[in-house]
N, C-alpha and C. Protein backbone atom coordinates (compact mmCIF):
# COMPACT_ATOMS: atom_id res chain seq x y z
N MET A 1 103.78 -173.49 -197.69
CA MET A 1 103.90 -174.82 -197.12
C MET A 1 103.76 -175.84 -198.26
N ASN A 2 104.71 -176.78 -198.32
CA ASN A 2 104.63 -177.80 -199.37
C ASN A 2 103.73 -178.96 -198.92
N VAL A 3 103.49 -179.89 -199.83
CA VAL A 3 102.55 -180.98 -199.58
C VAL A 3 102.99 -181.85 -198.40
N THR A 4 104.28 -182.18 -198.32
CA THR A 4 104.72 -183.05 -197.23
C THR A 4 104.64 -182.34 -195.89
N GLN A 5 104.87 -181.03 -195.87
CA GLN A 5 104.70 -180.29 -194.63
C GLN A 5 103.22 -180.27 -194.23
N ALA A 6 102.34 -180.09 -195.20
CA ALA A 6 100.90 -180.10 -194.92
C ALA A 6 100.47 -181.47 -194.38
N LEU A 7 100.97 -182.53 -194.98
CA LEU A 7 100.66 -183.86 -194.48
C LEU A 7 101.15 -184.04 -193.05
N HIS A 8 102.36 -183.56 -192.79
CA HIS A 8 102.93 -183.65 -191.45
C HIS A 8 102.06 -182.88 -190.44
N GLU A 9 101.60 -181.71 -190.84
CA GLU A 9 100.73 -180.92 -189.96
C GLU A 9 99.43 -181.64 -189.64
N GLN A 10 99.00 -182.53 -190.53
CA GLN A 10 97.78 -183.32 -190.31
C GLN A 10 98.05 -184.62 -189.54
N GLY A 11 99.32 -184.82 -189.11
CA GLY A 11 99.65 -185.98 -188.31
C GLY A 11 100.31 -187.13 -189.06
N GLN A 12 100.59 -186.92 -190.33
CA GLN A 12 101.22 -187.98 -191.13
C GLN A 12 102.73 -188.02 -190.86
N SER A 13 103.26 -189.20 -190.62
CA SER A 13 104.71 -189.37 -190.50
C SER A 13 105.26 -189.69 -191.88
N ASN A 14 106.14 -188.85 -192.35
CA ASN A 14 106.74 -189.01 -193.68
C ASN A 14 108.11 -189.66 -193.53
N TRP A 15 108.25 -190.84 -194.10
CA TRP A 15 109.51 -191.57 -194.01
C TRP A 15 110.20 -191.63 -195.36
N LEU A 16 111.49 -191.58 -195.31
CA LEU A 16 112.31 -191.71 -196.50
C LEU A 16 112.61 -193.19 -196.70
N ASP A 17 112.45 -193.68 -197.90
CA ASP A 17 112.66 -195.09 -198.21
C ASP A 17 113.90 -195.22 -199.09
N ASN A 18 115.02 -194.67 -198.61
CA ASN A 18 116.25 -194.64 -199.40
C ASN A 18 117.40 -194.21 -198.50
N ILE A 19 118.60 -194.69 -198.82
CA ILE A 19 119.80 -194.25 -198.13
C ILE A 19 121.00 -194.52 -199.03
N THR A 20 121.87 -193.53 -199.15
CA THR A 20 123.10 -193.68 -199.92
C THR A 20 124.20 -192.87 -199.24
N TYR A 21 125.44 -193.20 -199.59
CA TYR A 21 126.56 -192.41 -199.08
C TYR A 21 126.38 -190.94 -199.42
N SER A 22 126.01 -190.66 -200.66
CA SER A 22 125.91 -189.26 -201.07
C SER A 22 124.84 -188.52 -200.28
N MET A 23 123.74 -189.18 -199.96
CA MET A 23 122.72 -188.53 -199.14
C MET A 23 123.27 -188.16 -197.77
N LEU A 24 124.10 -189.03 -197.24
CA LEU A 24 124.70 -188.78 -195.92
C LEU A 24 125.79 -187.71 -196.02
N ASP A 25 126.62 -187.81 -197.04
CA ASP A 25 127.76 -186.90 -197.17
C ASP A 25 127.37 -185.47 -197.52
N THR A 26 126.27 -185.30 -198.24
CA THR A 26 125.89 -183.96 -198.70
C THR A 26 124.89 -183.26 -197.77
N GLY A 27 124.42 -183.95 -196.75
CA GLY A 27 123.43 -183.35 -195.87
C GLY A 27 122.02 -183.42 -196.42
N GLN A 28 121.82 -184.25 -197.43
CA GLN A 28 120.51 -184.35 -198.06
C GLN A 28 119.45 -184.84 -197.08
N ILE A 29 119.82 -185.73 -196.17
CA ILE A 29 118.83 -186.21 -195.19
C ILE A 29 118.37 -185.07 -194.30
N GLN A 30 119.29 -184.26 -193.82
CA GLN A 30 118.91 -183.11 -193.00
C GLN A 30 118.03 -182.15 -193.80
N HIS A 31 118.35 -181.98 -195.07
CA HIS A 31 117.52 -181.14 -195.95
C HIS A 31 116.09 -181.68 -196.03
N TYR A 32 115.96 -182.99 -196.18
CA TYR A 32 114.63 -183.59 -196.23
C TYR A 32 113.88 -183.40 -194.91
N ILE A 33 114.60 -183.49 -193.82
CA ILE A 33 113.99 -183.26 -192.51
C ILE A 33 113.49 -181.82 -192.41
N ASP A 34 114.36 -180.89 -192.77
CA ASP A 34 114.04 -179.46 -192.63
C ASP A 34 113.00 -178.97 -193.63
N GLN A 35 113.13 -179.38 -194.88
CA GLN A 35 112.28 -178.83 -195.94
C GLN A 35 111.03 -179.64 -196.24
N TYR A 36 111.07 -180.94 -195.97
CA TYR A 36 109.96 -181.80 -196.36
C TYR A 36 109.31 -182.53 -195.18
N SER A 37 109.70 -182.17 -193.96
CA SER A 37 109.13 -182.77 -192.76
C SER A 37 109.26 -184.29 -192.72
N VAL A 38 110.37 -184.80 -193.24
CA VAL A 38 110.63 -186.23 -193.17
C VAL A 38 110.96 -186.56 -191.72
N THR A 39 110.31 -187.60 -191.18
CA THR A 39 110.45 -187.91 -189.76
C THR A 39 111.03 -189.29 -189.48
N GLY A 40 111.46 -190.01 -190.52
CA GLY A 40 112.06 -191.31 -190.31
C GLY A 40 112.64 -191.84 -191.61
N LEU A 41 113.38 -192.93 -191.49
CA LEU A 41 114.04 -193.52 -192.65
C LEU A 41 113.99 -195.03 -192.52
N THR A 42 113.57 -195.69 -193.58
CA THR A 42 113.55 -197.14 -193.58
C THR A 42 114.59 -197.65 -194.57
N SER A 43 115.12 -198.81 -194.26
CA SER A 43 116.08 -199.45 -195.16
C SER A 43 115.75 -200.93 -195.23
N ASN A 44 116.29 -201.57 -196.24
CA ASN A 44 116.18 -203.02 -196.38
C ASN A 44 117.29 -203.46 -197.32
N PRO A 45 117.51 -204.75 -197.44
CA PRO A 45 118.60 -205.22 -198.30
C PRO A 45 118.49 -204.71 -199.75
N SER A 46 117.28 -204.58 -200.29
CA SER A 46 117.13 -204.10 -201.67
C SER A 46 117.59 -202.65 -201.80
N ILE A 47 117.28 -201.83 -200.81
CA ILE A 47 117.70 -200.43 -200.83
C ILE A 47 119.22 -200.35 -200.80
N PHE A 48 119.83 -201.14 -199.93
CA PHE A 48 121.29 -201.12 -199.85
C PHE A 48 121.92 -201.73 -201.10
N ASP A 49 121.31 -202.75 -201.67
CA ASP A 49 121.83 -203.36 -202.89
C ASP A 49 121.89 -202.32 -204.01
N LYS A 50 120.84 -201.54 -204.13
CA LYS A 50 120.80 -200.49 -205.15
C LYS A 50 121.88 -199.44 -204.87
N ALA A 51 122.02 -199.04 -203.62
CA ALA A 51 123.02 -198.04 -203.26
C ALA A 51 124.43 -198.56 -203.52
N ILE A 52 124.68 -199.81 -203.13
CA ILE A 52 126.01 -200.40 -203.34
C ILE A 52 126.29 -200.54 -204.82
N GLY A 53 125.27 -200.88 -205.60
CA GLY A 53 125.42 -201.01 -207.04
C GLY A 53 125.75 -199.71 -207.75
N SER A 54 125.54 -198.60 -207.09
CA SER A 54 125.81 -197.29 -207.70
C SER A 54 127.30 -197.01 -207.85
N GLY A 55 128.13 -197.77 -207.14
CA GLY A 55 129.57 -197.54 -207.19
C GLY A 55 130.07 -196.66 -206.06
N ASP A 56 129.17 -196.00 -205.35
CA ASP A 56 129.57 -195.11 -204.25
C ASP A 56 130.31 -195.86 -203.14
N TYR A 57 130.06 -197.14 -203.02
CA TYR A 57 130.61 -197.92 -201.91
C TYR A 57 131.87 -198.71 -202.29
N ASP A 58 132.28 -198.62 -203.54
CA ASP A 58 133.38 -199.45 -204.02
C ASP A 58 134.65 -199.31 -203.18
N ASP A 59 135.06 -198.09 -202.88
CA ASP A 59 136.28 -197.89 -202.09
C ASP A 59 136.15 -198.47 -200.69
N ALA A 60 135.00 -198.23 -200.05
CA ALA A 60 134.78 -198.75 -198.69
C ALA A 60 134.75 -200.27 -198.70
N ILE A 61 134.14 -200.85 -199.71
CA ILE A 61 134.08 -202.31 -199.79
C ILE A 61 135.49 -202.89 -199.95
N ARG A 62 136.28 -202.31 -200.84
CA ARG A 62 137.65 -202.80 -201.03
C ARG A 62 138.47 -202.67 -199.75
N ALA A 63 138.36 -201.52 -199.09
CA ALA A 63 139.15 -201.28 -197.88
C ALA A 63 138.74 -202.24 -196.76
N LYS A 64 137.45 -202.41 -196.55
CA LYS A 64 136.98 -203.29 -195.47
C LYS A 64 137.26 -204.76 -195.79
N ALA A 65 137.02 -205.16 -197.03
CA ALA A 65 137.23 -206.56 -197.41
C ALA A 65 138.70 -206.95 -197.29
N ALA A 66 139.59 -206.01 -197.49
CA ALA A 66 141.02 -206.30 -197.37
C ALA A 66 141.42 -206.62 -195.93
N HIS A 67 140.60 -206.19 -194.98
CA HIS A 67 140.90 -206.40 -193.56
C HIS A 67 139.99 -207.42 -192.89
N GLY A 68 139.25 -208.19 -193.65
CA GLY A 68 138.51 -209.25 -193.00
C GLY A 68 137.09 -209.48 -193.44
N PRO A 69 136.14 -208.59 -193.09
CA PRO A 69 134.74 -208.96 -193.31
C PRO A 69 134.42 -209.15 -194.79
N LYS A 70 133.62 -210.15 -195.05
CA LYS A 70 133.20 -210.45 -196.42
C LYS A 70 131.71 -210.81 -196.39
N GLY A 71 131.12 -210.79 -197.54
CA GLY A 71 129.73 -211.22 -197.68
C GLY A 71 128.77 -210.45 -196.80
N GLU A 72 127.92 -211.20 -196.11
CA GLU A 72 126.88 -210.59 -195.29
C GLU A 72 127.46 -209.75 -194.15
N GLU A 73 128.56 -210.20 -193.56
CA GLU A 73 129.17 -209.43 -192.47
C GLU A 73 129.66 -208.07 -192.98
N LEU A 74 130.22 -208.03 -194.17
CA LEU A 74 130.64 -206.77 -194.77
C LEU A 74 129.43 -205.89 -195.04
N PHE A 75 128.36 -206.49 -195.56
CA PHE A 75 127.13 -205.74 -195.79
C PHE A 75 126.64 -205.07 -194.51
N PHE A 76 126.55 -205.85 -193.42
CA PHE A 76 126.03 -205.29 -192.18
C PHE A 76 126.97 -204.23 -191.60
N GLU A 77 128.26 -204.39 -191.78
CA GLU A 77 129.18 -203.35 -191.32
C GLU A 77 128.92 -202.03 -192.04
N LEU A 78 128.76 -202.08 -193.35
CA LEU A 78 128.46 -200.88 -194.13
C LEU A 78 127.08 -200.31 -193.76
N ALA A 79 126.09 -201.19 -193.65
CA ALA A 79 124.72 -200.75 -193.35
C ALA A 79 124.65 -200.09 -191.98
N ILE A 80 125.30 -200.67 -191.00
CA ILE A 80 125.27 -200.10 -189.65
C ILE A 80 125.95 -198.73 -189.63
N GLU A 81 127.06 -198.61 -190.30
CA GLU A 81 127.74 -197.30 -190.35
C GLU A 81 126.82 -196.25 -190.96
N ASP A 82 126.17 -196.59 -192.06
CA ASP A 82 125.25 -195.64 -192.70
C ASP A 82 124.07 -195.31 -191.80
N LEU A 83 123.49 -196.31 -191.18
CA LEU A 83 122.31 -196.07 -190.35
C LEU A 83 122.65 -195.33 -189.06
N GLN A 84 123.84 -195.49 -188.55
CA GLN A 84 124.26 -194.67 -187.41
C GLN A 84 124.30 -193.20 -187.83
N ARG A 85 124.88 -192.96 -188.99
CA ARG A 85 124.94 -191.58 -189.50
C ARG A 85 123.54 -191.03 -189.80
N ALA A 86 122.66 -191.88 -190.29
CA ALA A 86 121.30 -191.44 -190.60
C ALA A 86 120.48 -191.23 -189.33
N ALA A 87 120.72 -192.04 -188.31
CA ALA A 87 119.93 -191.94 -187.07
C ALA A 87 120.19 -190.63 -186.34
N ASP A 88 121.39 -190.13 -186.41
CA ASP A 88 121.73 -188.94 -185.63
C ASP A 88 120.88 -187.71 -185.95
N PRO A 89 120.66 -187.35 -187.23
CA PRO A 89 119.80 -186.18 -187.47
C PRO A 89 118.34 -186.41 -187.12
N PHE A 90 117.92 -187.67 -187.03
CA PHE A 90 116.53 -187.96 -186.64
C PHE A 90 116.35 -188.00 -185.12
N LEU A 91 117.43 -188.05 -184.37
CA LEU A 91 117.32 -188.16 -182.91
C LEU A 91 116.55 -187.01 -182.27
N PRO A 92 116.77 -185.75 -182.67
CA PRO A 92 115.96 -184.68 -182.07
C PRO A 92 114.45 -184.86 -182.30
N ILE A 93 114.08 -185.40 -183.46
CA ILE A 93 112.67 -185.67 -183.73
C ILE A 93 112.18 -186.77 -182.80
N HIS A 94 112.98 -187.80 -182.64
CA HIS A 94 112.65 -188.92 -181.76
C HIS A 94 112.43 -188.42 -180.33
N GLU A 95 113.31 -187.55 -179.87
CA GLU A 95 113.18 -187.01 -178.51
C GLU A 95 111.98 -186.09 -178.39
N ARG A 96 111.77 -185.22 -179.38
CA ARG A 96 110.67 -184.26 -179.34
C ARG A 96 109.30 -184.95 -179.38
N THR A 97 109.22 -186.09 -180.08
CA THR A 97 107.94 -186.80 -180.21
C THR A 97 107.81 -187.96 -179.24
N ASP A 98 108.72 -188.04 -178.29
CA ASP A 98 108.73 -189.12 -177.30
C ASP A 98 108.69 -190.49 -177.96
N GLY A 99 109.49 -190.63 -179.02
CA GLY A 99 109.63 -191.92 -179.68
C GLY A 99 108.57 -192.27 -180.70
N VAL A 100 107.65 -191.36 -180.98
CA VAL A 100 106.65 -191.64 -182.01
C VAL A 100 107.30 -191.60 -183.39
N ASP A 101 108.16 -190.64 -183.61
CA ASP A 101 108.86 -190.47 -184.88
C ASP A 101 110.37 -190.40 -184.63
N GLY A 102 111.11 -190.20 -185.70
CA GLY A 102 112.56 -190.07 -185.59
C GLY A 102 113.30 -191.38 -185.65
N TRP A 103 112.69 -192.39 -186.24
CA TRP A 103 113.29 -193.72 -186.31
C TRP A 103 114.02 -193.95 -187.62
N VAL A 104 115.01 -194.82 -187.59
CA VAL A 104 115.60 -195.43 -188.78
C VAL A 104 115.50 -196.94 -188.56
N SER A 105 115.57 -197.71 -189.64
CA SER A 105 115.39 -199.15 -189.47
C SER A 105 116.47 -199.95 -190.19
N LEU A 106 116.76 -201.09 -189.60
CA LEU A 106 117.72 -202.06 -190.15
C LEU A 106 117.08 -203.44 -190.07
N GLU A 107 117.09 -204.15 -191.16
CA GLU A 107 116.45 -205.46 -191.23
C GLU A 107 117.46 -206.57 -190.95
N VAL A 108 117.03 -207.55 -190.16
CA VAL A 108 117.88 -208.74 -189.99
C VAL A 108 117.99 -209.42 -191.35
N SER A 109 118.94 -210.30 -191.49
CA SER A 109 119.12 -211.01 -192.75
C SER A 109 117.85 -211.76 -193.13
N PRO A 110 117.40 -211.61 -194.37
CA PRO A 110 116.23 -212.37 -194.81
C PRO A 110 116.47 -213.88 -194.77
N LEU A 111 117.72 -214.29 -194.73
CA LEU A 111 118.05 -215.71 -194.64
C LEU A 111 117.63 -216.31 -193.31
N LEU A 112 117.32 -215.46 -192.33
CA LEU A 112 116.93 -215.92 -191.01
C LEU A 112 115.41 -215.96 -190.81
N ALA A 113 114.66 -215.67 -191.83
CA ALA A 113 113.21 -215.53 -191.71
C ALA A 113 112.52 -216.74 -191.10
N TYR A 114 113.13 -217.91 -191.20
CA TYR A 114 112.48 -219.12 -190.70
C TYR A 114 113.28 -219.76 -189.56
N ASP A 115 114.08 -218.94 -188.88
CA ASP A 115 114.90 -219.45 -187.78
C ASP A 115 114.75 -218.50 -186.58
N THR A 116 113.91 -218.88 -185.65
CA THR A 116 113.57 -218.01 -184.52
C THR A 116 114.80 -217.62 -183.71
N GLN A 117 115.56 -218.58 -183.26
CA GLN A 117 116.67 -218.28 -182.35
C GLN A 117 117.76 -217.45 -183.01
N ARG A 118 118.08 -217.76 -184.26
CA ARG A 118 119.09 -216.96 -184.96
C ARG A 118 118.59 -215.55 -185.24
N THR A 119 117.29 -215.40 -185.49
CA THR A 119 116.71 -214.07 -185.67
C THR A 119 116.84 -213.27 -184.38
N VAL A 120 116.51 -213.88 -183.26
CA VAL A 120 116.63 -213.20 -181.96
C VAL A 120 118.07 -212.76 -181.73
N ALA A 121 119.01 -213.67 -181.93
CA ALA A 121 120.42 -213.35 -181.71
C ALA A 121 120.88 -212.24 -182.64
N ALA A 122 120.49 -212.32 -183.90
CA ALA A 122 120.90 -211.30 -184.87
C ALA A 122 120.30 -209.94 -184.53
N ALA A 123 119.02 -209.91 -184.19
CA ALA A 123 118.36 -208.64 -183.86
C ALA A 123 119.03 -207.96 -182.68
N LYS A 124 119.30 -208.72 -181.64
CA LYS A 124 119.94 -208.14 -180.46
C LYS A 124 121.36 -207.67 -180.78
N ALA A 125 122.09 -208.46 -181.55
CA ALA A 125 123.47 -208.09 -181.90
C ALA A 125 123.50 -206.85 -182.79
N LEU A 126 122.62 -206.78 -183.77
CA LEU A 126 122.60 -205.61 -184.67
C LEU A 126 122.25 -204.34 -183.90
N TYR A 127 121.26 -204.45 -183.02
CA TYR A 127 120.86 -203.28 -182.23
C TYR A 127 122.01 -202.82 -181.33
N ALA A 128 122.69 -203.75 -180.71
CA ALA A 128 123.83 -203.40 -179.84
C ALA A 128 124.95 -202.78 -180.66
N ARG A 129 125.24 -203.34 -181.82
CA ARG A 129 126.30 -202.80 -182.67
C ARG A 129 125.96 -201.40 -183.16
N ALA A 130 124.72 -201.18 -183.53
CA ALA A 130 124.32 -199.86 -184.04
C ALA A 130 124.36 -198.81 -182.94
N ASP A 131 124.01 -199.20 -181.73
CA ASP A 131 124.10 -198.30 -180.58
C ASP A 131 123.38 -196.96 -180.80
N ARG A 132 122.16 -197.05 -181.33
CA ARG A 132 121.31 -195.87 -181.51
C ARG A 132 119.93 -196.21 -180.98
N ARG A 133 119.45 -195.43 -180.03
CA ARG A 133 118.16 -195.77 -179.43
C ARG A 133 116.99 -195.52 -180.38
N ASN A 134 117.22 -194.77 -181.45
CA ASN A 134 116.16 -194.51 -182.42
C ASN A 134 116.32 -195.38 -183.67
N LEU A 135 116.82 -196.61 -183.47
CA LEU A 135 116.95 -197.58 -184.55
C LEU A 135 116.04 -198.77 -184.27
N PHE A 136 115.11 -199.02 -185.20
CA PHE A 136 114.26 -200.20 -185.17
C PHE A 136 115.03 -201.35 -185.81
N ILE A 137 114.79 -202.55 -185.34
CA ILE A 137 115.26 -203.74 -186.03
C ILE A 137 114.04 -204.36 -186.70
N LYS A 138 114.13 -204.55 -188.00
CA LYS A 138 113.03 -205.14 -188.76
C LYS A 138 113.17 -206.66 -188.75
N ILE A 139 112.08 -207.32 -188.40
CA ILE A 139 112.04 -208.78 -188.34
C ILE A 139 110.89 -209.26 -189.22
N PRO A 140 111.13 -210.29 -190.03
CA PRO A 140 110.05 -210.81 -190.89
C PRO A 140 108.88 -211.34 -190.07
N GLY A 141 107.68 -211.08 -190.56
CA GLY A 141 106.46 -211.53 -189.89
C GLY A 141 106.09 -212.95 -190.27
N THR A 142 107.06 -213.84 -190.29
CA THR A 142 106.81 -215.25 -190.58
C THR A 142 106.36 -215.96 -189.31
N PRO A 143 105.85 -217.17 -189.41
CA PRO A 143 105.49 -217.92 -188.19
C PRO A 143 106.69 -218.05 -187.23
N GLU A 144 107.89 -218.25 -187.76
CA GLU A 144 109.07 -218.34 -186.91
C GLU A 144 109.50 -216.97 -186.40
N GLY A 145 109.11 -215.93 -187.13
CA GLY A 145 109.44 -214.58 -186.70
C GLY A 145 108.61 -214.11 -185.52
N LEU A 146 107.39 -214.65 -185.37
CA LEU A 146 106.50 -214.20 -184.29
C LEU A 146 107.11 -214.36 -182.91
N PRO A 147 107.63 -215.54 -182.54
CA PRO A 147 108.25 -215.63 -181.22
C PRO A 147 109.53 -214.80 -181.12
N ALA A 148 110.22 -214.64 -182.24
CA ALA A 148 111.41 -213.79 -182.23
C ALA A 148 111.03 -212.35 -181.95
N ILE A 149 109.97 -211.88 -182.58
CA ILE A 149 109.49 -210.51 -182.37
C ILE A 149 109.17 -210.29 -180.89
N GLU A 150 108.43 -211.24 -180.32
CA GLU A 150 108.04 -211.11 -178.92
C GLU A 150 109.27 -211.09 -178.00
N GLU A 151 110.21 -211.99 -178.23
CA GLU A 151 111.40 -212.06 -177.37
C GLU A 151 112.28 -210.82 -177.53
N VAL A 152 112.43 -210.35 -178.75
CA VAL A 152 113.29 -209.19 -178.99
C VAL A 152 112.66 -207.94 -178.37
N ILE A 153 111.36 -207.77 -178.52
CA ILE A 153 110.67 -206.64 -177.90
C ILE A 153 110.82 -206.72 -176.38
N ALA A 154 110.62 -207.91 -175.82
CA ALA A 154 110.73 -208.08 -174.37
C ALA A 154 112.13 -207.73 -173.86
N SER A 155 113.13 -207.90 -174.72
CA SER A 155 114.50 -207.57 -174.31
C SER A 155 114.80 -206.08 -174.40
N GLY A 156 113.84 -205.29 -174.90
CA GLY A 156 114.03 -203.85 -174.98
C GLY A 156 114.49 -203.33 -176.32
N VAL A 157 114.54 -204.20 -177.31
CA VAL A 157 114.95 -203.78 -178.66
C VAL A 157 113.71 -203.36 -179.43
N PRO A 158 113.69 -202.14 -179.98
CA PRO A 158 112.55 -201.71 -180.79
C PRO A 158 112.46 -202.54 -182.08
N VAL A 159 111.26 -202.97 -182.41
CA VAL A 159 111.05 -203.85 -183.56
C VAL A 159 110.03 -203.25 -184.52
N ASN A 160 110.30 -203.47 -185.79
CA ASN A 160 109.36 -203.16 -186.86
C ASN A 160 109.18 -204.47 -187.62
N VAL A 161 107.95 -204.93 -187.76
CA VAL A 161 107.67 -206.16 -188.49
C VAL A 161 107.66 -205.82 -189.98
N THR A 162 108.41 -206.61 -190.77
CA THR A 162 108.49 -206.32 -192.20
C THR A 162 107.15 -206.48 -192.87
N SER A 163 106.99 -205.80 -193.99
CA SER A 163 105.72 -205.81 -194.71
C SER A 163 105.33 -207.23 -195.08
N GLY A 164 104.06 -207.39 -195.23
CA GLY A 164 103.54 -208.72 -195.51
C GLY A 164 103.29 -209.52 -194.25
N ALA A 165 103.45 -208.90 -193.10
CA ALA A 165 103.23 -209.61 -191.85
C ALA A 165 101.75 -209.99 -191.75
N SER A 166 101.53 -211.13 -191.21
CA SER A 166 100.17 -211.61 -191.05
C SER A 166 99.44 -210.81 -189.98
N SER A 167 98.13 -210.96 -189.94
CA SER A 167 97.36 -210.26 -188.90
C SER A 167 97.76 -210.78 -187.52
N SER A 168 98.13 -212.05 -187.43
CA SER A 168 98.55 -212.57 -186.12
C SER A 168 99.86 -211.92 -185.69
N ALA A 169 100.74 -211.65 -186.63
CA ALA A 169 102.00 -210.97 -186.29
C ALA A 169 101.71 -209.56 -185.80
N ARG A 170 100.78 -208.88 -186.46
CA ARG A 170 100.45 -207.52 -186.03
C ARG A 170 99.80 -207.53 -184.65
N CYS A 171 98.95 -208.52 -184.38
CA CYS A 171 98.33 -208.63 -183.05
C CYS A 171 99.38 -208.91 -181.98
N LEU A 172 100.30 -209.81 -182.27
CA LEU A 172 101.36 -210.12 -181.32
C LEU A 172 102.20 -208.89 -181.03
N LEU A 173 102.55 -208.19 -182.08
CA LEU A 173 103.35 -206.98 -181.90
C LEU A 173 102.60 -205.96 -181.05
N SER A 174 101.33 -205.79 -181.32
CA SER A 174 100.53 -204.86 -180.54
C SER A 174 100.46 -205.27 -179.07
N ARG A 175 100.20 -206.56 -178.81
CA ARG A 175 100.15 -207.05 -177.42
C ARG A 175 101.49 -206.87 -176.73
N SER A 176 102.57 -207.21 -177.42
CA SER A 176 103.91 -207.09 -176.83
C SER A 176 104.24 -205.64 -176.53
N SER A 177 103.89 -204.76 -177.44
CA SER A 177 104.15 -203.33 -177.23
C SER A 177 103.36 -202.80 -176.04
N ARG A 178 102.09 -203.21 -175.94
CA ARG A 178 101.28 -202.76 -174.80
C ARG A 178 101.84 -203.31 -173.48
N ALA A 179 102.26 -204.56 -173.48
CA ALA A 179 102.84 -205.16 -172.26
C ALA A 179 104.11 -204.43 -171.87
N ARG A 180 104.93 -204.10 -172.84
CA ARG A 180 106.17 -203.38 -172.57
C ARG A 180 105.87 -201.98 -172.00
N GLU A 181 104.87 -201.34 -172.56
CA GLU A 181 104.48 -200.01 -172.08
C GLU A 181 103.97 -200.10 -170.64
N ARG A 182 103.16 -201.13 -170.33
CA ARG A 182 102.69 -201.33 -168.96
C ARG A 182 103.85 -201.52 -168.01
N ASP A 183 104.86 -202.29 -168.45
CA ASP A 183 106.02 -202.55 -167.60
C ASP A 183 106.81 -201.29 -167.29
N ARG A 184 106.77 -200.33 -168.21
CA ARG A 184 107.50 -199.07 -168.00
C ARG A 184 106.83 -198.18 -166.95
N THR A 185 105.51 -198.29 -166.82
CA THR A 185 104.78 -197.40 -165.91
C THR A 185 104.61 -198.00 -164.54
């Protein structure tokens, strides 16, 4: 048994903090799930920036940009495609653990961190576009993000508050999650 399997046996959720075309194309994510007990995957704009900078995405960017999307819309189109592919091998884990593990995450644009209503709209739209029940939408834990987090959770979209969230954001998230759980029962 390797170290990550031992950690998993002790209740630790091991998440991968990386995603690239090659990881998806070669089955590396499934390998990490099988061999290293990886139970989730997180992403953010910096992770995608590094992956896109590798050159792996050049052909896809040229092809998509020639037909319309540019800038941030092109980024989200590529990110959603990758995260849909990444979410699928984690779905059995998500089902087996009743939603405790098996998640992948997609962050709303950091440009929306101080705009509650646009964050809400973006979070709901990204979740709908991704169409994966084991996909979290990451929302910044800013003062403007707090009401967005509450509204998005209330609408049934799974949320992960980005790092650096204040204690009030964590409390709000906890209260909203408990209220949502009560509503389910």
